[in-house]
Amino acid sequence: MLKNTRFRLARQVDRVSSKWIELSEAEENRFDSIMENMVKVSLHDHTIVYPEDPAYYIEFAKSSEWVIGVEGLAKSRLDAVFEGLEDGTFLARSGDPWSWDSVVYQLGLINYYVNKMDEVFIGLKGDDILKAHKDNKLAMFIHLEGAPHMGEELGLVRLLYGFGVRCMGIVYSVGNEYGSGLADDKDYGLTPLGSKLVDIMNKFGIVIDLAHANDKTCIETMEITSKPVFITHAGARSVWPTRRMKPDEVLYALADNGGVIGIEAAPHTTISRKHLTHSIESVMDHFMYIEELIGLDHLAFGPDTLFGDHVALHKVFREYLSIKKSKEVSIEYPEVDFVDGLENPSQFPNIIRWLIKHGYSDKEIEKVVFKNIYRVLSRVIK
């Protein structure tokens, strides 16, 4: 693994003063037991450490100097993470982060760096999560948030599988040849080529992700797929009315499909009317709403956090990430510098602390931090 870089990197632990959920002595003992014995999976995060100074973010995106946040991941106590790479912002190969060249270059980099590490390995099947827990390591599942531009050469999906991709979106925000994204004004849904992509992903054993797909694309994909899907990182539009959140119609379809949604915590996404200042409390408002709507069997957590200034990243890459379109809302809310309680991957344990504090049983916690994700992987990955 690359230990040195020309960039001064952000702190992986306690970068800012982000709160931890307070527990009683009995609750702390239960928390310790869960953290020691329970398998824990993040359905979406970014483990690459960004420069401390956001002024270097563009230069960083044009480099190949990755450092995996081992210190922060150790504090997270995660057994597995669905790794989002620099999806949507990687510029080392071209101005289009979703060109085939850009995506394959990233896949080569993540395999290179992880294969030089003792603490982390590339996860290729569901049981690798159990292996990671047993061996006190972390299984990293490569997750492409959108499909690269392959045109009609869908046989290239075989290569993506060979490079270790086990979860992939149909589209990343701005529509492509496979479907419309959440940033598109016209929701044209899944294209004929997109339907073929769904079939091929089912065939090869890559989980379909609909986090950045538009509503019609989500519905049409779930109507034709033969396998359960993930919405790796999103929330409920009934709680916060932006395109980035999913409407009840999509959530009901997800339940019928047998799929799972990971509740996200990227800054200024999963806000709620009850908690307008984005924090772990806002995030969990989405969790509780979806729990009541479709049940715990379809819930997980995909915080979508990273090691660095996430708010600054959104500002620097606003156009690449389609931030304006995806976060348009008529409700006034205060901007935050970070999401208090879920600032970066090291704070994943705070989710478990919150669940303990709010009376969830060990069985219920295990469902949302492991078993639901494992169930989908077991049905899809071959």
Protein backbone atom coordinates (compact mmCIF):
# COMPACT_ATOMS: atom_id res chain seq x y z
CA MET A 1 0.00 0.00 0.00
CA LEU A 2 1.13 3.54 -0.76
CA LYS A 3 2.24 5.05 2.54
CA ASN A 4 3.50 8.39 1.31
CA THR A 5 1.84 10.89 -0.97
CA ARG A 6 2.55 14.46 -2.03
CA PHE A 7 -0.80 15.45 -0.50
CA ARG A 8 -1.21 16.17 3.19
CA LEU A 9 -4.16 13.94 4.00
CA ALA A 10 -7.18 14.53 6.23
CA ARG A 11 -7.34 12.98 9.68
CA GLN A 12 -9.21 9.68 9.65
CA VAL A 13 -10.38 9.86 13.27
CA ASP A 14 -11.74 12.94 15.06
CA ARG A 15 -11.24 15.24 12.07
CA VAL A 16 -13.99 17.37 13.60
CA SER A 17 -15.84 17.32 16.91
CA SER A 18 -18.65 14.93 15.96
CA LYS A 19 -20.85 13.59 18.74
CA TRP A 20 -21.17 10.02 19.95
CA ILE A 21 -24.51 8.69 21.22
CA GLU A 22 -24.42 8.49 25.01
CA LEU A 23 -25.34 5.15 26.60
CA SER A 24 -25.91 3.90 30.12
CA GLU A 25 -23.44 1.47 31.68
CA ALA A 26 -25.67 -1.50 30.82
CA GLU A 27 -26.09 -0.23 27.26
CA GLU A 28 -22.33 0.25 26.92
CA ASN A 29 -21.78 -3.37 27.95
CA ARG A 30 -24.31 -4.50 25.36
CA PHE A 31 -22.66 -2.28 22.74
CA ASP A 32 -19.25 -3.81 23.49
CA SER A 33 -20.69 -7.30 23.10
CA ILE A 34 -22.34 -6.45 19.78
CA MET A 35 -19.20 -4.85 18.41
CA GLU A 36 -17.17 -7.90 19.38
CA ASN A 37 -19.52 -10.63 18.21
CA MET A 38 -21.86 -9.29 15.52
CA VAL A 39 -20.96 -9.09 11.83
CA LYS A 40 -21.20 -5.51 10.54
CA VAL A 41 -21.44 -4.27 6.93
CA SER A 42 -21.65 -0.82 5.35
CA LEU A 43 -23.63 -0.93 2.11
CA HIS A 44 -21.82 2.16 0.77
CA ASP A 45 -18.84 4.24 1.86
CA HIS A 46 -15.64 5.70 0.42
CA THR A 47 -12.46 4.55 2.19
CA ILE A 48 -9.89 6.55 0.19
CA VAL A 49 -8.40 9.41 2.25
CA TYR A 50 -8.75 12.87 0.70
CA PRO A 51 -6.35 15.79 1.08
CA GLU A 52 -6.74 17.89 4.20
CA ASP A 53 -7.03 21.05 2.08
CA PRO A 54 -9.98 20.97 -0.39
CA ALA A 55 -8.01 23.31 -2.67
CA TYR A 56 -6.15 20.15 -3.78
CA TYR A 57 -9.26 18.06 -4.52
CA ILE A 58 -9.14 18.55 -8.30
CA GLU A 59 -5.41 17.81 -8.41
CA PHE A 60 -6.05 14.72 -6.25
CA ALA A 61 -8.81 13.57 -8.63
CA LYS A 62 -6.30 13.77 -11.50
CA SER A 63 -3.73 11.69 -9.60
CA SER A 64 -3.58 8.00 -8.77
CA GLU A 65 -2.23 8.44 -5.25
CA TRP A 66 -4.65 6.53 -3.09
CA VAL A 67 -4.29 5.75 0.58
CA ILE A 68 -6.94 3.51 2.15
CA GLY A 69 -8.09 4.79 5.55
CA VAL A 70 -6.95 1.83 7.64
CA GLU A 71 -6.93 3.78 10.90
CA GLY A 72 -10.50 4.99 10.45
CA LEU A 73 -11.69 1.60 9.24
CA ALA A 74 -10.19 -0.04 12.32
CA LYS A 75 -12.25 2.28 14.51
CA SER A 76 -15.35 1.56 12.43
CA ARG A 77 -15.09 -2.14 13.45
CA LEU A 78 -16.68 -3.01 10.10
CA ASP A 79 -16.23 -6.50 8.67
CA ALA A 80 -17.17 -5.44 5.15
CA VAL A 81 -17.76 -2.28 3.17
CA PHE A 82 -19.14 -1.62 -0.29
CA GLU A 83 -16.43 0.65 -1.66
CA GLY A 84 -17.48 3.56 -3.88
CA LEU A 85 -13.95 4.48 -5.08
CA GLU A 86 -13.88 8.00 -6.56
CA ASP A 87 -17.10 7.33 -8.47
CA GLY A 88 -18.17 10.45 -10.31
CA THR A 89 -15.02 12.46 -9.54
CA PHE A 90 -12.06 10.46 -10.88
CA LEU A 91 -10.30 12.55 -13.55
CA ALA A 92 -6.91 10.88 -14.01
CA ARG A 93 -7.78 9.43 -17.42
CA SER A 94 -10.32 11.82 -18.95
CA GLY A 95 -12.84 14.54 -18.24
CA ASP A 96 -15.55 11.87 -18.11
CA PRO A 97 -15.40 9.86 -14.86
CA TRP A 98 -17.71 7.25 -16.45
CA SER A 99 -15.67 6.52 -19.56
CA TRP A 100 -14.65 2.87 -19.84
CA ASP A 101 -11.00 3.88 -19.50
CA SER A 102 -11.61 5.88 -16.31
CA VAL A 103 -13.60 3.11 -14.64
CA VAL A 104 -11.22 0.27 -15.54
CA TYR A 105 -8.25 2.39 -14.41
CA GLN A 106 -9.89 2.79 -10.98
CA LEU A 107 -10.57 -0.93 -10.78
CA GLY A 108 -6.92 -1.63 -11.43
CA LEU A 109 -5.86 0.87 -8.78
CA ILE A 110 -8.11 -0.47 -6.03
CA ASN A 111 -6.99 -4.04 -6.71
CA TYR A 112 -3.35 -2.93 -6.71
CA TYR A 113 -3.54 -1.07 -3.42
CA VAL A 114 -5.72 -3.59 -1.58
CA ASN A 115 -3.56 -6.52 -2.69
CA LYS A 116 -0.60 -4.86 -0.97
CA MET A 117 -2.47 -4.73 2.36
CA ASP A 118 -2.78 -7.29 5.13
CA GLU A 119 -5.86 -5.80 6.79
CA VAL A 120 -8.17 -5.63 3.75
CA PHE A 121 -9.04 -7.97 0.88
CA ILE A 122 -11.40 -7.75 -2.10
CA GLY A 123 -14.73 -9.42 -1.31
CA LEU A 124 -16.02 -11.63 -4.11
CA LYS A 125 -18.88 -13.57 -2.50
CA GLY A 126 -21.18 -13.23 0.49
CA ASP A 127 -19.25 -15.68 2.64
CA ASP A 128 -16.19 -13.44 2.40
CA ILE A 129 -17.95 -11.24 4.97
CA LEU A 130 -17.96 -14.16 7.42
CA LYS A 131 -14.32 -14.89 6.61
CA ALA A 132 -13.36 -11.27 7.29
CA HIS A 133 -15.15 -11.35 10.65
CA LYS A 134 -13.45 -14.61 11.63
CA ASP A 135 -9.98 -13.41 10.57
CA ASN A 136 -10.37 -9.87 11.97
CA LYS A 137 -10.00 -8.31 8.52
CA LEU A 138 -12.20 -6.22 6.23
CA ALA A 139 -13.79 -7.47 3.02
CA MET A 140 -14.02 -4.67 0.45
CA PHE A 141 -16.76 -5.16 -2.14
CA ILE A 142 -16.13 -3.05 -5.23
CA HIS A 143 -19.21 -0.98 -6.01
CA LEU A 144 -19.62 1.11 -9.16
CA GLU A 145 -22.37 3.66 -8.56
CA GLY A 146 -23.14 3.78 -12.27
CA ALA A 147 -22.40 1.70 -15.34
CA PRO A 148 -19.42 2.82 -17.44
CA HIS A 149 -20.11 3.82 -21.03
CA MET A 150 -20.02 0.47 -22.80
CA GLY A 151 -22.53 1.23 -25.54
CA GLU A 152 -23.86 -2.03 -26.91
CA GLU A 153 -20.75 -4.00 -25.89
CA LEU A 154 -22.48 -5.46 -22.85
CA GLY A 155 -20.17 -8.47 -22.91
CA LEU A 156 -17.75 -6.11 -21.16
CA VAL A 157 -19.76 -6.74 -17.97
CA ARG A 158 -17.87 -10.04 -17.82
CA LEU A 159 -14.64 -8.04 -17.49
CA LEU A 160 -16.09 -5.89 -14.72
CA TYR A 161 -16.95 -9.06 -12.83
CA GLY A 162 -13.43 -10.32 -13.44
CA PHE A 163 -11.99 -7.09 -12.00
CA GLY A 164 -13.99 -7.73 -8.82
CA VAL A 165 -17.14 -5.62 -9.32
CA ARG A 166 -20.00 -7.16 -7.34
CA CYS A 167 -22.45 -4.24 -7.23
CA MET A 168 -23.18 -1.69 -9.97
CA GLY A 169 -25.68 1.05 -10.68
CA ILE A 170 -27.59 1.27 -13.93
CA VAL A 171 -26.95 5.00 -14.10
CA TYR A 172 -25.21 7.69 -12.06
CA SER A 173 -27.52 10.72 -11.78
CA VAL A 174 -27.23 12.00 -15.37
CA GLY A 175 -28.93 9.67 -17.82
CA ASN A 176 -26.89 7.33 -19.97
CA GLU A 177 -27.53 4.73 -22.66
CA TYR A 178 -29.13 2.42 -20.08
CA GLY A 179 -31.60 4.61 -18.21
CA SER A 180 -32.55 8.00 -16.83
CA GLY A 181 -30.90 9.30 -13.69
CA LEU A 182 -32.22 11.32 -10.80
CA ALA A 183 -30.75 14.53 -12.23
CA ASP A 184 -32.68 14.24 -15.52
CA ASP A 185 -35.68 16.50 -16.02
CA LYS A 186 -37.33 13.87 -18.24
CA ASP A 187 -37.71 10.46 -16.62
CA TYR A 188 -37.57 8.16 -19.65
CA GLY A 189 -36.95 5.10 -17.53
CA LEU A 190 -35.00 2.02 -18.54
CA THR A 191 -33.90 1.90 -22.19
CA PRO A 192 -34.01 -1.29 -24.31
CA LEU A 193 -30.23 -1.48 -23.87
CA GLY A 194 -30.72 -1.01 -20.14
CA SER A 195 -33.07 -3.99 -20.08
CA LYS A 196 -30.32 -6.09 -21.64
CA LEU A 197 -27.87 -4.77 -19.03
CA VAL A 198 -30.22 -5.91 -16.23
CA ASP A 199 -30.37 -9.43 -17.72
CA ILE A 200 -26.59 -9.63 -18.09
CA MET A 201 -25.94 -8.42 -14.53
CA ASN A 202 -28.38 -11.07 -13.28
CA LYS A 203 -26.55 -13.68 -15.35
CA PHE A 204 -23.05 -12.82 -14.17
CA GLY A 205 -23.97 -12.23 -10.53
CA ILE A 206 -23.56 -8.49 -10.02
CA VAL A 207 -26.07 -6.84 -7.67
CA ILE A 208 -28.00 -4.01 -9.34
CA ASP A 209 -27.91 -0.68 -7.49
CA LEU A 210 -30.66 1.92 -8.03
CA ALA A 211 -29.44 4.66 -5.69
CA HIS A 212 -28.86 7.21 -8.47
CA ALA A 213 -31.57 6.05 -10.86
CA ASN A 214 -34.70 8.06 -11.58
CA ASP A 215 -38.04 6.78 -10.28
CA LYS A 216 -39.25 5.20 -13.52
CA THR A 217 -35.86 3.53 -14.05
CA CYS A 218 -36.11 2.08 -10.54
CA ILE A 219 -39.61 0.70 -11.07
CA GLU A 220 -38.95 -0.72 -14.52
CA THR A 221 -35.71 -2.37 -13.39
CA MET A 222 -37.45 -4.07 -10.49
CA GLU A 223 -40.24 -5.24 -12.79
CA ILE A 224 -37.86 -7.20 -15.02
CA THR A 225 -34.96 -8.28 -12.80
CA SER A 226 -34.91 -11.89 -11.66
CA LYS A 227 -32.80 -11.03 -8.61
CA PRO A 228 -33.19 -8.71 -5.60
CA VAL A 229 -31.59 -5.27 -5.89
CA PHE A 230 -29.89 -2.76 -3.64
CA ILE A 231 -30.59 0.92 -3.26
CA THR A 232 -27.21 1.29 -1.62
CA HIS A 233 -27.50 4.82 -0.26
CA ALA A 234 -30.66 6.92 -0.19
CA GLY A 235 -33.62 7.82 2.03
CA ALA A 236 -37.37 8.47 1.93
CA ARG A 237 -38.80 11.29 -0.17
CA SER A 238 -41.79 11.46 2.16
CA VAL A 239 -39.34 12.52 4.89
CA TRP A 240 -37.32 14.93 2.74
CA PRO A 241 -38.72 15.91 -0.70
CA THR A 242 -35.71 15.81 -3.03
CA ARG A 243 -35.02 13.71 -6.10
CA ARG A 244 -32.16 12.03 -4.25
CA MET A 245 -34.67 10.37 -1.92
CA LYS A 246 -36.95 7.51 -3.01
CA PRO A 247 -40.77 7.84 -3.10
CA ASP A 248 -43.03 5.33 -1.37
CA GLU A 249 -43.87 3.73 -4.72
CA VAL A 250 -40.22 2.76 -5.25
CA LEU A 251 -39.86 1.58 -1.65
CA TYR A 252 -42.93 -0.67 -1.94
CA ALA A 253 -41.52 -2.10 -5.18
CA LEU A 254 -38.22 -2.72 -3.39
CA ALA A 255 -39.99 -4.74 -0.71
CA ASP A 256 -41.83 -6.78 -3.35
CA ASN A 257 -38.49 -7.40 -5.07
CA GLY A 258 -36.91 -8.66 -1.82
CA GLY A 259 -34.27 -5.95 -2.02
CA VAL A 260 -32.60 -3.69 0.53
CA ILE A 261 -32.09 0.06 0.90
CA GLY A 262 -29.09 1.48 2.75
CA ILE A 263 -29.83 4.71 4.60
CA GLU A 264 -27.30 7.35 3.64
CA ALA A 265 -25.69 10.21 5.54
CA ALA A 266 -23.82 12.31 2.98
CA PRO A 267 -24.13 16.00 3.92
CA HIS A 268 -27.45 17.68 3.05
CA THR A 269 -29.13 14.51 1.76
CA THR A 270 -31.12 12.67 4.46
CA ILE A 271 -32.39 15.77 6.23
CA SER A 272 -35.83 15.61 7.85
CA ARG A 273 -38.45 18.21 8.72
CA LYS A 274 -38.14 17.12 12.34
CA HIS A 275 -34.35 17.59 12.33
CA LEU A 276 -33.53 20.27 9.75
CA THR A 277 -29.90 20.50 10.84
CA HIS A 278 -28.45 17.39 9.25
CA SER A 279 -27.23 14.97 11.91
CA ILE A 280 -27.51 11.31 12.83
CA GLU A 281 -30.99 12.11 14.16
CA SER A 282 -32.13 13.28 10.70
CA VAL A 283 -30.65 10.15 9.15
CA MET A 284 -32.49 7.88 11.56
CA ASP A 285 -35.80 9.66 10.84
CA HIS A 286 -35.49 8.16 7.36
CA PHE A 287 -34.67 4.76 8.84
CA MET A 288 -37.72 4.78 11.09
CA TYR A 289 -40.06 5.94 8.33
CA ILE A 290 -38.96 3.18 5.97
CA GLU A 291 -39.09 0.63 8.77
CA GLU A 292 -42.75 1.48 9.34
CA LEU A 293 -43.47 1.52 5.60
CA ILE A 294 -41.88 -1.76 4.45
CA GLY A 295 -40.27 -3.37 7.51
CA LEU A 296 -36.79 -4.06 8.84
CA ASP A 297 -36.15 -6.91 6.39
CA HIS A 298 -35.44 -4.36 3.67
CA LEU A 299 -33.21 -1.94 5.57
CA ALA A 300 -29.48 -1.49 5.99
CA PHE A 301 -27.05 1.44 6.21
CA GLY A 302 -25.02 2.88 3.33
CA PRO A 303 -23.75 6.06 4.99
CA ASP A 304 -21.83 7.31 1.92
CA THR A 305 -19.20 8.95 4.11
CA LEU A 306 -15.52 9.57 3.36
CA PHE A 307 -12.27 10.58 5.00
CA GLY A 308 -12.06 14.31 4.35
CA ASP A 309 -14.25 17.39 4.01
CA HIS A 310 -17.36 15.95 2.34
CA VAL A 311 -19.17 19.29 2.13
CA ALA A 312 -16.22 20.84 0.33
CA LEU A 313 -16.06 17.88 -2.05
CA HIS A 314 -19.69 18.47 -3.04
CA LYS A 315 -18.92 22.11 -3.76
CA VAL A 316 -15.77 21.39 -5.77
CA PHE A 317 -17.43 18.65 -7.84
CA ARG A 318 -20.93 20.12 -7.95
CA GLU A 319 -21.30 19.71 -11.71
CA TYR A 320 -19.78 16.23 -11.91
CA LEU A 321 -22.05 14.96 -9.12
CA SER A 322 -25.22 16.78 -10.26
CA ILE A 323 -25.60 18.15 -6.73
CA LYS A 324 -27.92 21.04 -7.62
CA LYS A 325 -30.50 18.88 -9.38
CA SER A 326 -30.50 16.08 -6.84
CA LYS A 327 -30.88 18.35 -3.80
CA GLU A 328 -33.42 20.90 -5.04
CA VAL A 329 -35.98 21.54 -2.29
CA SER A 330 -38.32 24.40 -1.43
CA ILE A 331 -37.79 24.05 2.33
CA GLU A 332 -35.26 26.31 4.03
CA TYR A 333 -32.63 24.42 6.02
CA PRO A 334 -29.29 25.34 7.60
CA GLU A 335 -26.13 24.19 5.84
CA VAL A 336 -23.75 22.17 7.98
CA ASP A 337 -19.98 21.68 7.85
CA PHE A 338 -20.40 17.96 8.56
CA VAL A 339 -23.11 15.49 9.60
CA ASP A 340 -22.91 15.42 13.37
CA GLY A 341 -22.69 11.80 14.53
CA LEU A 342 -21.86 10.27 11.13
CA GLU A 343 -18.97 12.38 9.87
CA ASN A 344 -16.87 9.64 8.29
CA PRO A 345 -16.61 5.82 8.15
CA SER A 346 -15.00 5.65 11.60
CA GLN A 347 -18.36 6.63 13.14
CA PHE A 348 -20.32 3.65 11.82
CA PRO A 349 -20.53 2.28 15.42
CA ASN A 350 -22.70 5.31 16.26
CA ILE A 351 -25.50 3.70 14.23
CA ILE A 352 -25.42 0.70 16.54
CA ARG A 353 -25.27 2.97 19.59
CA TRP A 354 -28.37 4.81 18.33
CA LEU A 355 -30.24 1.55 17.73
CA ILE A 356 -29.40 0.32 21.23
CA LYS A 357 -30.47 3.65 22.72
CA HIS A 358 -33.82 3.42 20.93
CA GLY A 359 -34.71 -0.08 22.06
CA TYR A 360 -33.86 -2.26 19.08
CA SER A 361 -33.12 -5.91 19.90
CA ASP A 362 -29.90 -7.69 18.98
CA LYS A 363 -31.83 -9.67 16.36
CA GLU A 364 -33.20 -6.48 14.79
CA ILE A 365 -29.77 -4.82 14.79
CA GLU A 366 -28.20 -7.87 13.18
CA LYS A 367 -30.74 -7.71 10.36
CA VAL A 368 -29.92 -4.13 9.40
CA VAL A 369 -26.14 -4.27 9.81
CA PHE A 370 -25.57 -7.70 8.28
CA LYS A 371 -28.26 -10.28 7.54
CA ASN A 372 -30.36 -8.32 5.04
CA ILE A 373 -27.28 -7.51 2.94
CA TYR A 374 -25.99 -11.08 3.20
CA ARG A 375 -29.35 -12.45 2.05
CA VAL A 376 -29.24 -10.41 -1.17
CA LEU A 377 -25.59 -11.27 -1.86
CA SER A 378 -26.33 -14.97 -1.37
CA ARG A 379 -29.11 -14.80 -3.96
CA VAL A 380 -27.24 -12.76 -6.57
CA ILE A 381 -23.49 -13.42 -6.49
CA LYS A 382 -22.44 -16.67 -8.11
